[in-house]
Amino acid sequence: MGFLIRWIAAFLLLALTFNPTRYDYYDWARASWSDATPMVVLVGLLLLVAYALFLTALFRGIGRLGALLILAVIAALIWVLVDYGIVSLNNPGALTWAVLLALSIVLAIGMYWGILWRRMSGQFEVDDEDAA
């Protein structure tokens, strides 16, 4: 359940920033810049904070090489989907959604990696309050 929540949060962050529909930050910011500049800047900064949180967890958890390896595996999976005709390169909307899905999986793995690693390795944290 923890991974699912992190994946949904990562997917929402990416999809709210940019997606093939008209309903995203990118299109809204372009259309509203002259009318609502302070709000565009505020929402942009909030998105930036969320990206900083996800990327910090990603790079601390699995590092750049780990992120690249996971992204390569997911890119190969997208390639297979294109090769078998499940996703078409002629449909940029579907390809954009596939890329958003792939990136959200990478971000979610980065957020969840510390928890997963402790479970796999049997590590746990102990607070030693008596030592102080």
C-alpha atoms as a PDB file:
ATOM      1  CA  MET A   1       0.000   0.000   0.000  1.00  0.00           C
ATOM      2  CA  GLY A   2       2.894   2.363   0.758  1.00  0.00           C
ATOM      3  CA  PHE A   3       4.370   2.019  -2.731  1.00  0.00           C
ATOM      4  CA  LEU A   4       0.974   2.556  -4.355  1.00  0.00           C
ATOM      5  CA  ILE A   5       0.465   5.836  -2.501  1.00  0.00           C
ATOM      6  CA  ARG A   6       3.936   7.038  -3.479  1.00  0.00           C
ATOM      7  CA  TRP A   7       3.357   6.033  -7.106  1.00  0.00           C
ATOM      8  CA  ILE A   8       0.004   7.859  -7.244  1.00  0.00           C
ATOM      9  CA  ALA A   9       1.638  10.967  -5.738  1.00  0.00           C
ATOM     10  CA  ALA A  10       4.493  10.816  -8.274  1.00  0.00           C
ATOM     11  CA  PHE A  11       2.099  10.276 -11.173  1.00  0.00           C
ATOM     12  CA  LEU A  12      -0.123  13.159 -10.061  1.00  0.00           C
ATOM     13  CA  LEU A  13       2.905  15.438  -9.712  1.00  0.00           C
ATOM     14  CA  LEU A  14       4.093  14.633 -13.224  1.00  0.00           C
ATOM     15  CA  ALA A  15       0.621  14.725 -14.789  1.00  0.00           C
ATOM     16  CA  LEU A  16      -0.254  18.010 -13.099  1.00  0.00           C
ATOM     17  CA  THR A  17       2.961  19.496 -14.452  1.00  0.00           C
ATOM     18  CA  PHE A  18       2.514  18.287 -18.041  1.00  0.00           C
ATOM     19  CA  ASN A  19       0.205  15.901 -19.866  1.00  0.00           C
ATOM     20  CA  PRO A  20      -1.338  15.615 -23.342  1.00  0.00           C
ATOM     21  CA  THR A  21      -4.587  17.274 -22.253  1.00  0.00           C
ATOM     22  CA  ARG A  22      -5.140  20.997 -21.771  1.00  0.00           C
ATOM     23  CA  TYR A  23      -5.373  20.577 -18.009  1.00  0.00           C
ATOM     24  CA  ASP A  24      -1.818  20.901 -16.713  1.00  0.00           C
ATOM     25  CA  TYR A  25       0.462  23.496 -15.173  1.00  0.00           C
ATOM     26  CA  TYR A  26       2.411  24.066 -18.378  1.00  0.00           C
ATOM     27  CA  ASP A  27      -0.612  25.062 -20.462  1.00  0.00           C
ATOM     28  CA  TRP A  28      -2.246  26.956 -17.602  1.00  0.00           C
ATOM     29  CA  ALA A  29       0.932  28.932 -16.901  1.00  0.00           C
ATOM     30  CA  ARG A  30       1.330  29.879 -20.558  1.00  0.00           C
ATOM     31  CA  ALA A  31      -2.294  30.994 -20.819  1.00  0.00           C
ATOM     32  CA  SER A  32      -2.429  32.781 -17.452  1.00  0.00           C
ATOM     33  CA  TRP A  33       1.005  34.368 -17.195  1.00  0.00           C
ATOM     34  CA  SER A  34      -0.127  37.914 -18.004  1.00  0.00           C
ATOM     35  CA  ASP A  35      -3.301  37.724 -15.883  1.00  0.00           C
ATOM     36  CA  ALA A  36      -2.196  35.734 -12.845  1.00  0.00           C
ATOM     37  CA  THR A  37       1.591  35.922 -12.656  1.00  0.00           C
ATOM     38  CA  PRO A  38       1.828  35.669  -8.835  1.00  0.00           C
ATOM     39  CA  MET A  39      -0.384  32.558  -8.775  1.00  0.00           C
ATOM     40  CA  VAL A  40       1.571  30.962 -11.630  1.00  0.00           C
ATOM     41  CA  VAL A  41       4.819  31.596  -9.749  1.00  0.00           C
ATOM     42  CA  LEU A  42       3.392  30.262  -6.469  1.00  0.00           C
ATOM     43  CA  VAL A  43       2.091  27.053  -8.027  1.00  0.00           C
ATOM     44  CA  GLY A  44       5.353  26.642  -9.945  1.00  0.00           C
ATOM     45  CA  LEU A  45       7.358  26.955  -6.732  1.00  0.00           C
ATOM     46  CA  LEU A  46       5.102  24.419  -4.980  1.00  0.00           C
ATOM     47  CA  LEU A  47       5.659  21.988  -7.850  1.00  0.00           C
ATOM     48  CA  LEU A  48       9.399  22.663  -7.624  1.00  0.00           C
ATOM     49  CA  VAL A  49       9.373  21.831  -3.899  1.00  0.00           C
ATOM     50  CA  ALA A  50       7.551  18.570  -4.623  1.00  0.00           C
ATOM     51  CA  TYR A  51      10.084  17.674  -7.331  1.00  0.00           C
ATOM     52  CA  ALA A  52      12.947  18.485  -4.957  1.00  0.00           C
ATOM     53  CA  LEU A  53      11.455  16.129  -2.382  1.00  0.00           C
ATOM     54  CA  PHE A  54      11.033  13.283  -4.864  1.00  0.00           C
ATOM     55  CA  LEU A  55      14.415  13.751  -6.546  1.00  0.00           C
ATOM     56  CA  THR A  56      16.291  14.038  -3.244  1.00  0.00           C
ATOM     57  CA  ALA A  57      14.728  10.791  -2.047  1.00  0.00           C
ATOM     58  CA  LEU A  58      15.437   9.162  -5.409  1.00  0.00           C
ATOM     59  CA  PHE A  59      19.124  10.064  -5.543  1.00  0.00           C
ATOM     60  CA  ARG A  60      19.740   9.336  -1.859  1.00  0.00           C
ATOM     61  CA  GLY A  61      17.898   6.037  -2.104  1.00  0.00           C
ATOM     62  CA  ILE A  62      19.119   4.467  -5.326  1.00  0.00           C
ATOM     63  CA  GLY A  63      21.550   7.021  -6.724  1.00  0.00           C
ATOM     64  CA  ARG A  64      21.929   8.235 -10.279  1.00  0.00           C
ATOM     65  CA  LEU A  65      23.054   4.869 -11.606  1.00  0.00           C
ATOM     66  CA  GLY A  66      20.112   3.111  -9.992  1.00  0.00           C
ATOM     67  CA  ALA A  67      17.700   5.680 -11.401  1.00  0.00           C
ATOM     68  CA  LEU A  68      19.220   5.287 -14.863  1.00  0.00           C
ATOM     69  CA  LEU A  69      19.014   1.496 -14.664  1.00  0.00           C
ATOM     70  CA  ILE A  70      15.365   1.544 -13.611  1.00  0.00           C
ATOM     71  CA  LEU A  71      14.584   4.095 -16.304  1.00  0.00           C
ATOM     72  CA  ALA A  72      16.408   1.948 -18.889  1.00  0.00           C
ATOM     73  CA  VAL A  73      14.365  -1.129 -17.933  1.00  0.00           C
ATOM     74  CA  ILE A  74      11.114   0.831 -18.167  1.00  0.00           C
ATOM     75  CA  ALA A  75      12.202   2.415 -21.469  1.00  0.00           C
ATOM     76  CA  ALA A  76      12.894  -1.082 -22.803  1.00  0.00           C
ATOM     77  CA  LEU A  77       9.408  -2.089 -21.666  1.00  0.00           C
ATOM     78  CA  ILE A  78       7.923   0.867 -23.572  1.00  0.00           C
ATOM     79  CA  TRP A  79       9.984  -0.187 -26.590  1.00  0.00           C
ATOM     80  CA  VAL A  80       8.479  -3.683 -26.351  1.00  0.00           C
ATOM     81  CA  LEU A  81       4.980  -2.174 -26.118  1.00  0.00           C
ATOM     82  CA  VAL A  82       5.666  -0.091 -29.231  1.00  0.00           C
ATOM     83  CA  ASP A  83       7.200  -3.081 -31.033  1.00  0.00           C
ATOM     84  CA  TYR A  84       4.131  -5.238 -30.343  1.00  0.00           C
ATOM     85  CA  GLY A  85       1.793  -2.440 -31.427  1.00  0.00           C
ATOM     86  CA  ILE A  86       0.271  -1.848 -27.987  1.00  0.00           C
ATOM     87  CA  VAL A  87       1.528   1.757 -27.927  1.00  0.00           C
ATOM     88  CA  SER A  88       1.816   3.632 -31.209  1.00  0.00           C
ATOM     89  CA  LEU A  89       4.474   6.178 -32.050  1.00  0.00           C
ATOM     90  CA  ASN A  90       1.858   7.812 -34.283  1.00  0.00           C
ATOM     91  CA  ASN A  91      -0.173   8.674 -31.184  1.00  0.00           C
ATOM     92  CA  PRO A  92       1.912  11.203 -29.254  1.00  0.00           C
ATOM     93  CA  GLY A  93      -0.703  11.400 -26.492  1.00  0.00           C
ATOM     94  CA  ALA A  94      -0.423   7.695 -25.684  1.00  0.00           C
ATOM     95  CA  LEU A  95       3.361   7.877 -25.823  1.00  0.00           C
ATOM     96  CA  THR A  96       3.354  10.876 -23.463  1.00  0.00           C
ATOM     97  CA  TRP A  97       1.160   8.996 -20.975  1.00  0.00           C
ATOM     98  CA  ALA A  98       3.522   5.994 -21.215  1.00  0.00           C
ATOM     99  CA  VAL A  99       6.517   8.229 -20.465  1.00  0.00           C
ATOM    100  CA  LEU A 100       4.674   9.842 -17.539  1.00  0.00           C
ATOM    101  CA  LEU A 101       3.875   6.380 -16.213  1.00  0.00           C
ATOM    102  CA  ALA A 102       7.525   5.323 -16.568  1.00  0.00           C
ATOM    103  CA  LEU A 103       8.879   8.415 -14.834  1.00  0.00           C
ATOM    104  CA  SER A 104       6.335   8.114 -12.026  1.00  0.00           C
ATOM    105  CA  ILE A 105       7.424   4.526 -11.398  1.00  0.00           C
ATOM    106  CA  VAL A 106      11.057   5.659 -11.154  1.00  0.00           C
ATOM    107  CA  LEU A 107      10.149   8.452  -8.713  1.00  0.00           C
ATOM    108  CA  ALA A 108       7.993   6.106  -6.620  1.00  0.00           C
ATOM    109  CA  ILE A 109      10.762   3.503  -6.423  1.00  0.00           C
ATOM    110  CA  GLY A 110      13.130   6.236  -5.259  1.00  0.00           C
ATOM    111  CA  MET A 111      10.692   7.306  -2.543  1.00  0.00           C
ATOM    112  CA  TYR A 112      10.069   3.723  -1.432  1.00  0.00           C
ATOM    113  CA  TRP A 113      13.603   2.326  -1.748  1.00  0.00           C
ATOM    114  CA  GLY A 114      14.725   3.046   1.815  1.00  0.00           C
ATOM    115  CA  ILE A 115      11.725   1.205   3.257  1.00  0.00           C
ATOM    116  CA  LEU A 116      12.153  -1.678   0.814  1.00  0.00           C
ATOM    117  CA  TRP A 117      15.885  -1.954   1.515  1.00  0.00           C
ATOM    118  CA  ARG A 118      15.344  -2.147   5.274  1.00  0.00           C
ATOM    119  CA  ARG A 119      12.740  -4.873   4.785  1.00  0.00           C
ATOM    120  CA  MET A 120      14.955  -6.892   2.427  1.00  0.00           C
ATOM    121  CA  SER A 121      18.077  -6.579   4.556  1.00  0.00           C
ATOM    122  CA  GLY A 122      16.398  -6.940   7.944  1.00  0.00           C
ATOM    123  CA  GLN A 123      17.777  -3.616   9.151  1.00  0.00           C
ATOM    124  CA  PHE A 124      15.914  -1.545  11.683  1.00  0.00           C
ATOM    125  CA  GLU A 125      16.532   1.700  13.513  1.00  0.00           C
ATOM    126  CA  VAL A 126      16.850   1.938  17.266  1.00  0.00           C
ATOM    127  CA  ASP A 127      16.613   5.162  19.226  1.00  0.00           C
ATOM    128  CA  ASP A 128      18.952   4.932  22.187  1.00  0.00           C
ATOM    129  CA  GLU A 129      17.593   7.553  24.560  1.00  0.00           C
ATOM    130  CA  ASP A 130      19.450   6.129  27.586  1.00  0.00           C
ATOM    131  CA  ALA A 131      22.844   6.888  26.038  1.00  0.00           C
ATOM    132  CA  ALA A 132      22.307  10.646  26.241  1.00  0.00           C
END
